[in-house]
Amino acid sequence: MRARAFRRAVVFDLDGTLLDSLPLVLAAITHAVAPHGLRPTREIFAHLGGPPERFLLDLVGDPRAVPEALRRMGEFHREHEAMIVPYAGAAEILADLRARGVAAAVWTGRDRASAERLLRSRGLADLVGTVVCGDDFPTHKPDPEGLRHILAAQAVDPAAALLVGDADVDVRGGRAGGVDTVLIRHDRAVAAEVEAWAWRSVADPAEAYGVVRESIPAG
């Protein structure tokens, strides 16, 4: 596969891409839906990317049960948030991008309050520019509105940008927005069409950061 010219902007998902939060996210979702006898697996990460009420409704199937599930999930997450740490190399790749004049941004389904709190407390806030969160727009991944907002804010053409994420909605959103996507698989099965739409498919964040370095000007 032939690479494009060097990228001028790299847009990162947050959970599972910059922050090692997937064990806590899965545990919180499991706690939320436990009263319904459900035990989600890691395959649920393929579908995350929007507000939690959307995927919780998909799981519990009853709109009346969603508020309590949301409460349980939020409570569990807050009590165990210390589990969340940046992936090894996350701060370094963001610093490299800044040093090489490449814009770094975040496009996440998380709410703004928790996203900003985590970026700040984990030492990443000053290393990223535009941050678009799940409660900023009425649309959510894979709708590319948030991605387009980031590119407009950075004055970067989609062809000069790269998106890095670990969910199918990241790949679909990148495709809809005309941006090449690096998909982090995290040892899960990926649908053939999603794999085909990804510009690159990698095993873990460390490999993704390597692909990003290959795609930006040398320092």
C-alpha atoms as a PDB file:
ATOM      1  CA  MET A   1       0.000   0.000   0.000  1.00  0.00           C
ATOM      2  CA  ARG A   2       1.532   3.330  -1.045  1.00  0.00           C
ATOM      3  CA  ALA A   3       1.734   6.025   1.609  1.00  0.00           C
ATOM      4  CA  ARG A   4       0.556   9.547   0.957  1.00  0.00           C
ATOM      5  CA  ALA A   5       2.743  12.614   1.408  1.00  0.00           C
ATOM      6  CA  PHE A   6       3.668  13.569   4.955  1.00  0.00           C
ATOM      7  CA  ARG A   7       0.668  14.346   7.180  1.00  0.00           C
ATOM      8  CA  ARG A   8       0.020  17.801   8.574  1.00  0.00           C
ATOM      9  CA  ALA A   9      -2.400  16.637  11.291  1.00  0.00           C
ATOM     10  CA  VAL A  10      -2.994  13.450  13.276  1.00  0.00           C
ATOM     11  CA  VAL A  11      -6.333  12.916  15.035  1.00  0.00           C
ATOM     12  CA  PHE A  12      -6.410  10.395  17.879  1.00  0.00           C
ATOM     13  CA  ASP A  13      -9.259   8.607  19.572  1.00  0.00           C
ATOM     14  CA  LEU A  14      -8.780   8.680  23.355  1.00  0.00           C
ATOM     15  CA  ASP A  15      -9.816   5.426  25.062  1.00  0.00           C
ATOM     16  CA  GLY A  16      -7.875   2.466  23.732  1.00  0.00           C
ATOM     17  CA  THR A  17      -5.647   4.732  21.637  1.00  0.00           C
ATOM     18  CA  LEU A  18      -3.909   7.237  23.924  1.00  0.00           C
ATOM     19  CA  LEU A  19      -5.277   6.016  27.257  1.00  0.00           C
ATOM     20  CA  ASP A  20      -5.149   2.442  28.525  1.00  0.00           C
ATOM     21  CA  SER A  21      -8.713   2.509  29.793  1.00  0.00           C
ATOM     22  CA  LEU A  22     -10.306  -0.488  28.096  1.00  0.00           C
ATOM     23  CA  PRO A  23     -10.205  -2.806  31.148  1.00  0.00           C
ATOM     24  CA  LEU A  24     -11.971  -0.160  33.241  1.00  0.00           C
ATOM     25  CA  VAL A  25     -14.465   0.697  30.483  1.00  0.00           C
ATOM     26  CA  LEU A  26     -15.413  -2.973  30.075  1.00  0.00           C
ATOM     27  CA  ALA A  27     -15.673  -3.438  33.849  1.00  0.00           C
ATOM     28  CA  ALA A  28     -17.867  -0.332  34.167  1.00  0.00           C
ATOM     29  CA  ILE A  29     -20.188  -1.450  31.363  1.00  0.00           C
ATOM     30  CA  THR A  30     -20.362  -4.929  32.871  1.00  0.00           C
ATOM     31  CA  HIS A  31     -21.295  -3.432  36.239  1.00  0.00           C
ATOM     32  CA  ALA A  32     -23.938  -1.248  34.561  1.00  0.00           C
ATOM     33  CA  VAL A  33     -25.763  -4.125  32.883  1.00  0.00           C
ATOM     34  CA  ALA A  34     -25.169  -6.849  35.501  1.00  0.00           C
ATOM     35  CA  PRO A  35     -28.726  -6.565  36.891  1.00  0.00           C
ATOM     36  CA  HIS A  36     -29.949  -7.649  33.450  1.00  0.00           C
ATOM     37  CA  GLY A  37     -27.829 -10.799  33.472  1.00  0.00           C
ATOM     38  CA  LEU A  38     -25.506  -9.510  30.741  1.00  0.00           C
ATOM     39  CA  ARG A  39     -21.727  -9.905  30.478  1.00  0.00           C
ATOM     40  CA  PRO A  40     -20.322  -7.861  27.566  1.00  0.00           C
ATOM     41  CA  THR A  41     -17.091  -9.034  25.928  1.00  0.00           C
ATOM     42  CA  ARG A  42     -14.224  -7.044  24.403  1.00  0.00           C
ATOM     43  CA  GLU A  43     -16.068  -7.172  21.074  1.00  0.00           C
ATOM     44  CA  ILE A  44     -18.226  -4.311  22.348  1.00  0.00           C
ATOM     45  CA  PHE A  45     -15.280  -1.957  21.786  1.00  0.00           C
ATOM     46  CA  ALA A  46     -15.890  -2.213  18.046  1.00  0.00           C
ATOM     47  CA  HIS A  47     -19.129  -0.276  18.510  1.00  0.00           C
ATOM     48  CA  LEU A  48     -18.220   2.345  21.104  1.00  0.00           C
ATOM     49  CA  GLY A  49     -17.667   5.941  20.056  1.00  0.00           C
ATOM     50  CA  GLY A  50     -20.888   7.763  20.873  1.00  0.00           C
ATOM     51  CA  PRO A  51     -22.721   8.659  24.081  1.00  0.00           C
ATOM     52  CA  PRO A  52     -23.021   5.785  26.579  1.00  0.00           C
ATOM     53  CA  GLU A  53     -26.803   5.944  26.594  1.00  0.00           C
ATOM     54  CA  ARG A  54     -26.747   4.754  22.984  1.00  0.00           C
ATOM     55  CA  PHE A  55     -24.739   1.571  23.492  1.00  0.00           C
ATOM     56  CA  LEU A  56     -26.358   0.882  26.864  1.00  0.00           C
ATOM     57  CA  LEU A  57     -29.771   0.953  25.188  1.00  0.00           C
ATOM     58  CA  ASP A  58     -28.452  -1.515  22.600  1.00  0.00           C
ATOM     59  CA  LEU A  59     -27.405  -3.802  25.470  1.00  0.00           C
ATOM     60  CA  VAL A  60     -30.375  -3.597  27.838  1.00  0.00           C
ATOM     61  CA  GLY A  61     -33.020  -3.114  25.144  1.00  0.00           C
ATOM     62  CA  ASP A  62     -35.369  -1.052  27.328  1.00  0.00           C
ATOM     63  CA  PRO A  63     -35.181   2.778  27.410  1.00  0.00           C
ATOM     64  CA  ARG A  64     -36.587   2.738  30.948  1.00  0.00           C
ATOM     65  CA  ALA A  65     -33.542   0.812  32.174  1.00  0.00           C
ATOM     66  CA  VAL A  66     -30.959   3.158  30.668  1.00  0.00           C
ATOM     67  CA  PRO A  67     -30.886   5.865  33.424  1.00  0.00           C
ATOM     68  CA  GLU A  68     -30.068   3.304  36.124  1.00  0.00           C
ATOM     69  CA  ALA A  69     -27.483   1.630  33.905  1.00  0.00           C
ATOM     70  CA  LEU A  70     -25.899   5.034  33.269  1.00  0.00           C
ATOM     71  CA  ARG A  71     -25.811   5.739  36.998  1.00  0.00           C
ATOM     72  CA  ARG A  72     -24.163   2.399  37.774  1.00  0.00           C
ATOM     73  CA  MET A  73     -21.605   2.812  34.997  1.00  0.00           C
ATOM     74  CA  GLY A  74     -20.693   6.377  35.994  1.00  0.00           C
ATOM     75  CA  GLU A  75     -20.376   5.506  39.667  1.00  0.00           C
ATOM     76  CA  PHE A  76     -18.122   2.520  38.943  1.00  0.00           C
ATOM     77  CA  HIS A  77     -15.979   4.535  36.531  1.00  0.00           C
ATOM     78  CA  ARG A  78     -15.463   7.403  38.992  1.00  0.00           C
ATOM     79  CA  GLU A  79     -14.525   5.052  41.829  1.00  0.00           C
ATOM     80  CA  HIS A  80     -11.880   3.296  39.719  1.00  0.00           C
ATOM     81  CA  GLU A  81     -10.639   6.082  37.420  1.00  0.00           C
ATOM     82  CA  ALA A  82      -7.113   5.799  38.857  1.00  0.00           C
ATOM     83  CA  MET A  83      -6.764   2.604  36.770  1.00  0.00           C
ATOM     84  CA  ILE A  84      -6.553   4.723  33.605  1.00  0.00           C
ATOM     85  CA  VAL A  85      -3.015   5.544  32.457  1.00  0.00           C
ATOM     86  CA  PRO A  86      -1.530   6.677  29.137  1.00  0.00           C
ATOM     87  CA  TYR A  87      -0.154   3.933  26.933  1.00  0.00           C
ATOM     88  CA  ALA A  88       3.619   3.723  26.848  1.00  0.00           C
ATOM     89  CA  GLY A  89       4.772   6.143  24.175  1.00  0.00           C
ATOM     90  CA  ALA A  90       1.572   8.204  24.045  1.00  0.00           C
ATOM     91  CA  ALA A  91       3.088  11.388  25.470  1.00  0.00           C
ATOM     92  CA  GLU A  92       6.215  10.887  23.354  1.00  0.00           C
ATOM     93  CA  ILE A  93       4.357  10.638  20.036  1.00  0.00           C
ATOM     94  CA  LEU A  94       2.328  13.738  20.869  1.00  0.00           C
ATOM     95  CA  ALA A  95       5.514  15.612  21.762  1.00  0.00           C
ATOM     96  CA  ASP A  96       7.141  14.438  18.514  1.00  0.00           C
ATOM     97  CA  LEU A  97       4.208  15.745  16.508  1.00  0.00           C
ATOM     98  CA  ARG A  98       4.464  19.145  18.152  1.00  0.00           C
ATOM     99  CA  ALA A  99       8.236  19.277  17.613  1.00  0.00           C
ATOM    100  CA  ARG A 100       7.800  18.474  13.923  1.00  0.00           C
ATOM    101  CA  GLY A 101       5.052  21.026  13.353  1.00  0.00           C
ATOM    102  CA  VAL A 102       2.242  18.484  12.951  1.00  0.00           C
ATOM    103  CA  ALA A 103      -1.092  19.250  14.617  1.00  0.00           C
ATOM    104  CA  ALA A 104      -2.314  16.667  17.142  1.00  0.00           C
ATOM    105  CA  ALA A 105      -6.017  16.499  18.014  1.00  0.00           C
ATOM    106  CA  VAL A 106      -8.444  14.225  19.867  1.00  0.00           C
ATOM    107  CA  TRP A 107     -11.823  12.961  18.640  1.00  0.00           C
ATOM    108  CA  THR A 108     -13.533  10.958  21.378  1.00  0.00           C
ATOM    109  CA  GLY A 109     -16.968   9.716  22.306  1.00  0.00           C
ATOM    110  CA  ARG A 110     -16.267  10.605  25.941  1.00  0.00           C
ATOM    111  CA  ASP A 111     -18.080  13.540  27.516  1.00  0.00           C
ATOM    112  CA  ARG A 112     -16.026  16.730  27.675  1.00  0.00           C
ATOM    113  CA  ALA A 113     -15.773  16.871  31.466  1.00  0.00           C
ATOM    114  CA  SER A 114     -14.167  13.442  31.838  1.00  0.00           C
ATOM    115  CA  ALA A 115     -12.072  13.759  28.658  1.00  0.00           C
ATOM    116  CA  GLU A 116     -10.540  17.060  29.759  1.00  0.00           C
ATOM    117  CA  ARG A 117     -10.016  15.774  33.298  1.00  0.00           C
ATOM    118  CA  LEU A 118      -8.161  12.705  32.052  1.00  0.00           C
ATOM    119  CA  LEU A 119      -6.058  14.597  29.497  1.00  0.00           C
ATOM    120  CA  ARG A 120      -5.065  17.117  32.152  1.00  0.00           C
ATOM    121  CA  SER A 121      -4.388  14.677  34.994  1.00  0.00           C
ATOM    122  CA  ARG A 122      -2.441  12.287  32.745  1.00  0.00           C
ATOM    123  CA  GLY A 123      -0.190  15.043  31.393  1.00  0.00           C
ATOM    124  CA  LEU A 124      -1.481  15.058  27.821  1.00  0.00           C
ATOM    125  CA  ALA A 125      -3.615  18.218  27.708  1.00  0.00           C
ATOM    126  CA  ASP A 126      -0.802  20.555  26.700  1.00  0.00           C
ATOM    127  CA  LEU A 127       0.286  18.203  23.907  1.00  0.00           C
ATOM    128  CA  VAL A 128      -2.952  18.278  21.896  1.00  0.00           C
ATOM    129  CA  GLY A 129      -4.776  21.107  20.173  1.00  0.00           C
ATOM    130  CA  THR A 130      -8.410  20.711  19.158  1.00  0.00           C
ATOM    131  CA  VAL A 131     -10.447  18.237  21.234  1.00  0.00           C
ATOM    132  CA  VAL A 132     -13.911  17.137  20.083  1.00  0.00           C
ATOM    133  CA  CYS A 133     -15.970  15.135  22.593  1.00  0.00           C
ATOM    134  CA  GLY A 134     -19.106  13.051  22.487  1.00  0.00           C
ATOM    135  CA  ASP A 135     -21.324  15.800  23.875  1.00  0.00           C
ATOM    136  CA  ASP A 136     -20.077  18.587  21.572  1.00  0.00           C
ATOM    137  CA  PHE A 137     -22.328  17.788  18.598  1.00  0.00           C
ATOM    138  CA  PRO A 138     -25.694  16.069  18.130  1.00  0.00           C
ATOM    139  CA  THR A 139     -23.944  13.619  15.788  1.00  0.00           C
ATOM    140  CA  HIS A 140     -21.480  10.950  16.884  1.00  0.00           C
ATOM    141  CA  LYS A 141     -18.980   8.592  15.291  1.00  0.00           C
ATOM    142  CA  PRO A 142     -19.084   7.322  12.612  1.00  0.00           C
ATOM    143  CA  ASP A 143     -20.705  10.570  11.450  1.00  0.00           C
ATOM    144  CA  PRO A 144     -17.670  12.667  10.426  1.00  0.00           C
ATOM    145  CA  GLU A 145     -18.950  16.027  11.720  1.00  0.00           C
ATOM    146  CA  GLY A 146     -16.531  16.064  14.651  1.00  0.00           C
ATOM    147  CA  LEU A 147     -13.622  15.047  12.438  1.00  0.00           C
ATOM    148  CA  ARG A 148     -14.444  17.744   9.911  1.00  0.00           C
ATOM    149  CA  HIS A 149     -14.605  20.311  12.702  1.00  0.00           C
ATOM    150  CA  ILE A 150     -11.089  19.358  13.791  1.00  0.00           C
ATOM    151  CA  LEU A 151      -9.687  19.597  10.269  1.00  0.00           C
ATOM    152  CA  ALA A 152     -11.358  22.958   9.722  1.00  0.00           C
ATOM    153  CA  ALA A 153      -9.948  24.274  13.010  1.00  0.00           C
ATOM    154  CA  GLN A 154      -6.463  23.181  11.933  1.00  0.00           C
ATOM    155  CA  ALA A 155      -6.966  24.317   8.310  1.00  0.00           C
ATOM    156  CA  VAL A 156      -5.883  20.871   7.110  1.00  0.00           C
ATOM    157  CA  ASP A 157      -7.240  19.035   4.062  1.00  0.00           C
ATOM    158  CA  PRO A 158      -8.512  15.484   4.774  1.00  0.00           C
ATOM    159  CA  ALA A 159      -5.880  14.031   2.451  1.00  0.00           C
ATOM    160  CA  ALA A 160      -3.155  15.570   4.636  1.00  0.00           C
ATOM    161  CA  ALA A 161      -4.523  14.110   7.877  1.00  0.00           C
ATOM    162  CA  LEU A 162      -4.374  10.752   9.627  1.00  0.00           C
ATOM    163  CA  LEU A 163      -6.863   9.280  12.110  1.00  0.00           C
ATOM    164  CA  VAL A 164      -5.832   6.729  14.748  1.00  0.00           C
ATOM    165  CA  GLY A 165      -8.445   4.735  16.649  1.00  0.00           C
ATOM    166  CA  ASP A 166      -9.386   1.301  17.930  1.00  0.00           C
ATOM    167  CA  ALA A 167     -13.075   1.019  17.030  1.00  0.00           C
ATOM    168  CA  ASP A 168     -14.946   0.209  13.841  1.00  0.00           C
ATOM    169  CA  VAL A 169     -16.658   3.599  14.143  1.00  0.00           C
ATOM    170  CA  ASP A 170     -13.250   5.275  13.881  1.00  0.00           C
ATOM    171  CA  VAL A 171     -12.584   3.566  10.561  1.00  0.00           C
ATOM    172  CA  ARG A 172     -16.084   4.302   9.300  1.00  0.00           C
ATOM    173  CA  GLY A 173     -15.834   7.906  10.439  1.00  0.00           C
ATOM    174  CA  GLY A 174     -12.454   8.351   8.796  1.00  0.00           C
ATOM    175  CA  ARG A 175     -13.757   6.865   5.566  1.00  0.00           C
ATOM    176  CA  ALA A 176     -16.801   9.160   5.617  1.00  0.00           C
ATOM    177  CA  GLY A 177     -14.545  12.159   6.218  1.00  0.00           C
ATOM    178  CA  GLY A 178     -11.972  11.216   3.587  1.00  0.00           C
ATOM    179  CA  VAL A 179      -9.218  10.636   6.174  1.00  0.00           C
ATOM    180  CA  ASP A 180      -6.935   7.576   6.222  1.00  0.00           C
ATOM    181  CA  THR A 181      -7.355   5.586   9.442  1.00  0.00           C
ATOM    182  CA  VAL A 182      -4.918   3.464  11.416  1.00  0.00           C
ATOM    183  CA  LEU A 183      -7.002   0.804  13.199  1.00  0.00           C
ATOM    184  CA  ILE A 184      -5.697  -0.648  16.486  1.00  0.00           C
ATOM    185  CA  ARG A 185      -7.143  -4.160  16.756  1.00  0.00           C
ATOM    186  CA  HIS A 186      -6.369  -4.988  20.420  1.00  0.00           C
ATOM    187  CA  ASP A 187      -6.576  -8.734  19.677  1.00  0.00           C
ATOM    188  CA  ARG A 188     -10.200  -8.610  18.572  1.00  0.00           C
ATOM    189  CA  ALA A 189     -11.766  -9.931  15.407  1.00  0.00           C
ATOM    190  CA  VAL A 190     -12.410  -7.166  12.867  1.00  0.00           C
ATOM    191  CA  ALA A 191     -15.044  -7.378  10.134  1.00  0.00           C
ATOM    192  CA  ALA A 192     -13.510  -7.863   6.688  1.00  0.00           C
ATOM    193  CA  GLU A 193     -15.025  -4.672   5.267  1.00  0.00           C
ATOM    194  CA  VAL A 194     -13.721  -2.596   8.185  1.00  0.00           C
ATOM    195  CA  GLU A 195     -10.265  -4.118   7.789  1.00  0.00           C
ATOM    196  CA  ALA A 196     -10.392  -3.270   4.082  1.00  0.00           C
ATOM    197  CA  TRP A 197     -11.402   0.345   4.771  1.00  0.00           C
ATOM    198  CA  ALA A 198      -8.531   0.907   7.234  1.00  0.00           C
ATOM    199  CA  TRP A 199      -5.426   2.509   5.738  1.00  0.00           C
ATOM    200  CA  ARG A 200      -3.337   0.413   8.134  1.00  0.00           C
ATOM    201  CA  SER A 201      -4.383  -2.227  10.674  1.00  0.00           C
ATOM    202  CA  VAL A 202      -2.057  -2.760  13.647  1.00  0.00           C
ATOM    203  CA  ALA A 203      -1.982  -4.893  16.780  1.00  0.00           C
ATOM    204  CA  ASP A 204      -1.533  -2.266  19.495  1.00  0.00           C
ATOM    205  CA  PRO A 205      -0.987   1.440  20.209  1.00  0.00           C
ATOM    206  CA  ALA A 206       2.811   1.128  20.131  1.00  0.00           C
ATOM    207  CA  GLU A 207       2.642  -0.138  16.551  1.00  0.00           C
ATOM    208  CA  ALA A 208       0.210   2.655  15.681  1.00  0.00           C
ATOM    209  CA  TYR A 209       2.595   5.288  17.050  1.00  0.00           C
ATOM    210  CA  GLY A 210       5.311   3.817  14.828  1.00  0.00           C
ATOM    211  CA  VAL A 211       3.068   4.186  11.779  1.00  0.00           C
ATOM    212  CA  VAL A 212       2.388   7.803  12.752  1.00  0.00           C
ATOM    213  CA  ARG A 213       6.129   8.537  12.973  1.00  0.00           C
ATOM    214  CA  GLU A 214       6.620   7.104   9.489  1.00  0.00           C
ATOM    215  CA  SER A 215       3.893   9.419   8.193  1.00  0.00           C
ATOM    216  CA  ILE A 216       5.253  12.744   9.467  1.00  0.00           C
ATOM    217  CA  PRO A 217       8.358  14.787   8.564  1.00  0.00           C
ATOM    218  CA  ALA A 218      11.593  13.642  10.161  1.00  0.00           C
ATOM    219  CA  GLY A 219      12.855  15.704  13.074  1.00  0.00           C
END
